[in-house]
């Protein structure tokens, strides 16, 4: 699983996992980035993977298994999951 570290100044590292179309846009299953909030982590991964930006904008974000807003604080070692909307049948 490829992973990239982006230096940050506030919080420790958070693992960002991608699902479905987000995984395809990122070209990887996960990244490890730094940030103090969900918004900062999302900004870091969209800097790494610009094609992810429109998908992340409409995705549900889960922090350690719970849906959160972009202003949620991150703790070192947290897992943030990017779940894009999808159609099922």
C-alpha atoms as a PDB file:
ATOM      1  CA  UNK A   1       0.000   0.000   0.000  1.00  0.00           C
ATOM      2  CA  UNK A   2       1.656   3.249  -1.051  1.00  0.00           C
ATOM      3  CA  UNK A   3       1.671   5.988   1.515  1.00  0.00           C
ATOM      4  CA  UNK A   4       3.085   9.489   1.602  1.00  0.00           C
ATOM      5  CA  UNK A   5       3.904  11.668   4.573  1.00  0.00           C
ATOM      6  CA  UNK A   6       3.127  15.359   4.393  1.00  0.00           C
ATOM      7  CA  UNK A   7       4.786  17.445   7.101  1.00  0.00           C
ATOM      8  CA  UNK A   8       2.451  19.388   9.356  1.00  0.00           C
ATOM      9  CA  UNK A   9       2.865  21.811  12.198  1.00  0.00           C
ATOM     10  CA  UNK A  10      -0.093  21.176  14.481  1.00  0.00           C
ATOM     11  CA  UNK A  11      -1.155  17.596  15.083  1.00  0.00           C
ATOM     12  CA  UNK A  12       0.303  14.173  14.686  1.00  0.00           C
ATOM     13  CA  UNK A  13      -0.325  11.906  11.772  1.00  0.00           C
ATOM     14  CA  UNK A  14      -3.659  10.615  10.546  1.00  0.00           C
ATOM     15  CA  UNK A  15      -4.220   7.764   8.106  1.00  0.00           C
ATOM     16  CA  UNK A  16      -6.607   8.685   5.297  1.00  0.00           C
ATOM     17  CA  UNK A  17      -8.271   5.687   3.619  1.00  0.00           C
ATOM     18  CA  UNK A  18     -10.042   5.943   0.295  1.00  0.00           C
ATOM     19  CA  UNK A  19     -13.059   3.973  -0.902  1.00  0.00           C
ATOM     20  CA  UNK A  20     -14.530   3.381  -4.377  1.00  0.00           C
ATOM     21  CA  UNK A  21     -14.129   6.425  -6.662  1.00  0.00           C
ATOM     22  CA  UNK A  22     -11.955   8.187  -4.097  1.00  0.00           C
ATOM     23  CA  UNK A  23      -9.481   5.296  -4.266  1.00  0.00           C
ATOM     24  CA  UNK A  24      -9.473   5.463  -8.054  1.00  0.00           C
ATOM     25  CA  UNK A  25      -8.883   9.230  -8.026  1.00  0.00           C
ATOM     26  CA  UNK A  26      -6.099   9.001  -5.436  1.00  0.00           C
ATOM     27  CA  UNK A  27      -4.461   6.026  -7.118  1.00  0.00           C
ATOM     28  CA  UNK A  28      -3.763   4.456  -3.737  1.00  0.00           C
ATOM     29  CA  UNK A  29      -5.624   2.858  -0.833  1.00  0.00           C
ATOM     30  CA  UNK A  30      -4.376   5.271   1.811  1.00  0.00           C
ATOM     31  CA  UNK A  31      -2.029   8.086   2.737  1.00  0.00           C
ATOM     32  CA  UNK A  32      -0.609   9.332   6.024  1.00  0.00           C
ATOM     33  CA  UNK A  33      -0.792  13.106   6.490  1.00  0.00           C
ATOM     34  CA  UNK A  34      -0.664  15.644   9.307  1.00  0.00           C
ATOM     35  CA  UNK A  35      -3.250  18.185  10.342  1.00  0.00           C
ATOM     36  CA  UNK A  36      -5.192  19.556  13.238  1.00  0.00           C
ATOM     37  CA  UNK A  37      -8.642  19.209  11.671  1.00  0.00           C
ATOM     38  CA  UNK A  38     -10.399  17.056   9.117  1.00  0.00           C
ATOM     39  CA  UNK A  39     -10.338  20.016   6.705  1.00  0.00           C
ATOM     40  CA  UNK A  40      -6.543  20.243   6.997  1.00  0.00           C
ATOM     41  CA  UNK A  41      -6.145  16.521   6.328  1.00  0.00           C
ATOM     42  CA  UNK A  42      -8.471  16.717   3.317  1.00  0.00           C
ATOM     43  CA  UNK A  43      -6.486  19.692   2.002  1.00  0.00           C
ATOM     44  CA  UNK A  44      -3.258  17.716   2.404  1.00  0.00           C
ATOM     45  CA  UNK A  45      -4.531  14.712   0.450  1.00  0.00           C
ATOM     46  CA  UNK A  46      -6.045  16.840  -2.308  1.00  0.00           C
ATOM     47  CA  UNK A  47      -2.663  18.553  -2.641  1.00  0.00           C
ATOM     48  CA  UNK A  48      -1.137  15.089  -3.107  1.00  0.00           C
ATOM     49  CA  UNK A  49      -3.900  13.930  -5.468  1.00  0.00           C
ATOM     50  CA  UNK A  50      -5.602  16.867  -7.263  1.00  0.00           C
ATOM     51  CA  UNK A  51      -8.076  14.517  -9.006  1.00  0.00           C
ATOM     52  CA  UNK A  52      -9.454  13.678  -5.557  1.00  0.00           C
ATOM     53  CA  UNK A  53     -10.636  17.239  -4.856  1.00  0.00           C
ATOM     54  CA  UNK A  54     -14.106  17.114  -6.513  1.00  0.00           C
ATOM     55  CA  UNK A  55     -14.787  13.702  -5.001  1.00  0.00           C
ATOM     56  CA  UNK A  56     -13.688  14.712  -1.502  1.00  0.00           C
ATOM     57  CA  UNK A  57     -15.953  17.767  -1.727  1.00  0.00           C
ATOM     58  CA  UNK A  58     -19.070  15.556  -1.865  1.00  0.00           C
ATOM     59  CA  UNK A  59     -17.861  12.571   0.170  1.00  0.00           C
ATOM     60  CA  UNK A  60     -18.915  11.446   3.605  1.00  0.00           C
ATOM     61  CA  UNK A  61     -15.965  11.603   5.988  1.00  0.00           C
ATOM     62  CA  UNK A  62     -15.651   9.083   8.802  1.00  0.00           C
ATOM     63  CA  UNK A  63     -13.227   9.718  11.637  1.00  0.00           C
ATOM     64  CA  UNK A  64     -12.497   6.543  13.548  1.00  0.00           C
ATOM     65  CA  UNK A  65     -15.775   5.106  12.243  1.00  0.00           C
ATOM     66  CA  UNK A  66     -18.041   8.102  12.952  1.00  0.00           C
ATOM     67  CA  UNK A  67     -19.355  10.635  10.438  1.00  0.00           C
ATOM     68  CA  UNK A  68     -17.827  14.053  11.096  1.00  0.00           C
ATOM     69  CA  UNK A  69     -17.744  17.545   9.681  1.00  0.00           C
ATOM     70  CA  UNK A  70     -14.641  19.182   8.333  1.00  0.00           C
ATOM     71  CA  UNK A  71     -14.140  21.199  11.510  1.00  0.00           C
ATOM     72  CA  UNK A  72     -13.647  18.056  13.638  1.00  0.00           C
ATOM     73  CA  UNK A  73     -10.322  17.894  15.475  1.00  0.00           C
ATOM     74  CA  UNK A  74      -7.859  15.124  14.651  1.00  0.00           C
ATOM     75  CA  UNK A  75      -5.927  13.105  17.197  1.00  0.00           C
ATOM     76  CA  UNK A  76      -2.583  11.494  16.432  1.00  0.00           C
ATOM     77  CA  UNK A  77      -3.137   8.020  15.017  1.00  0.00           C
ATOM     78  CA  UNK A  78      -6.732   8.611  13.910  1.00  0.00           C
ATOM     79  CA  UNK A  79      -8.160   7.058  10.757  1.00  0.00           C
ATOM     80  CA  UNK A  80     -10.121   9.265   8.356  1.00  0.00           C
ATOM     81  CA  UNK A  81     -12.111   7.505   5.635  1.00  0.00           C
ATOM     82  CA  UNK A  82     -13.300   9.166   2.428  1.00  0.00           C
ATOM     83  CA  UNK A  83     -16.547   7.571   1.200  1.00  0.00           C
ATOM     84  CA  UNK A  84     -17.855   9.056  -2.034  1.00  0.00           C
ATOM     85  CA  UNK A  85     -21.541   8.867  -2.876  1.00  0.00           C
ATOM     86  CA  UNK A  86     -22.424   5.803  -4.912  1.00  0.00           C
ATOM     87  CA  UNK A  87     -25.418   4.235  -6.604  1.00  0.00           C
ATOM     88  CA  UNK A  88     -26.452   0.716  -5.819  1.00  0.00           C
ATOM     89  CA  UNK A  89     -28.862  -1.699  -7.269  1.00  0.00           C
END
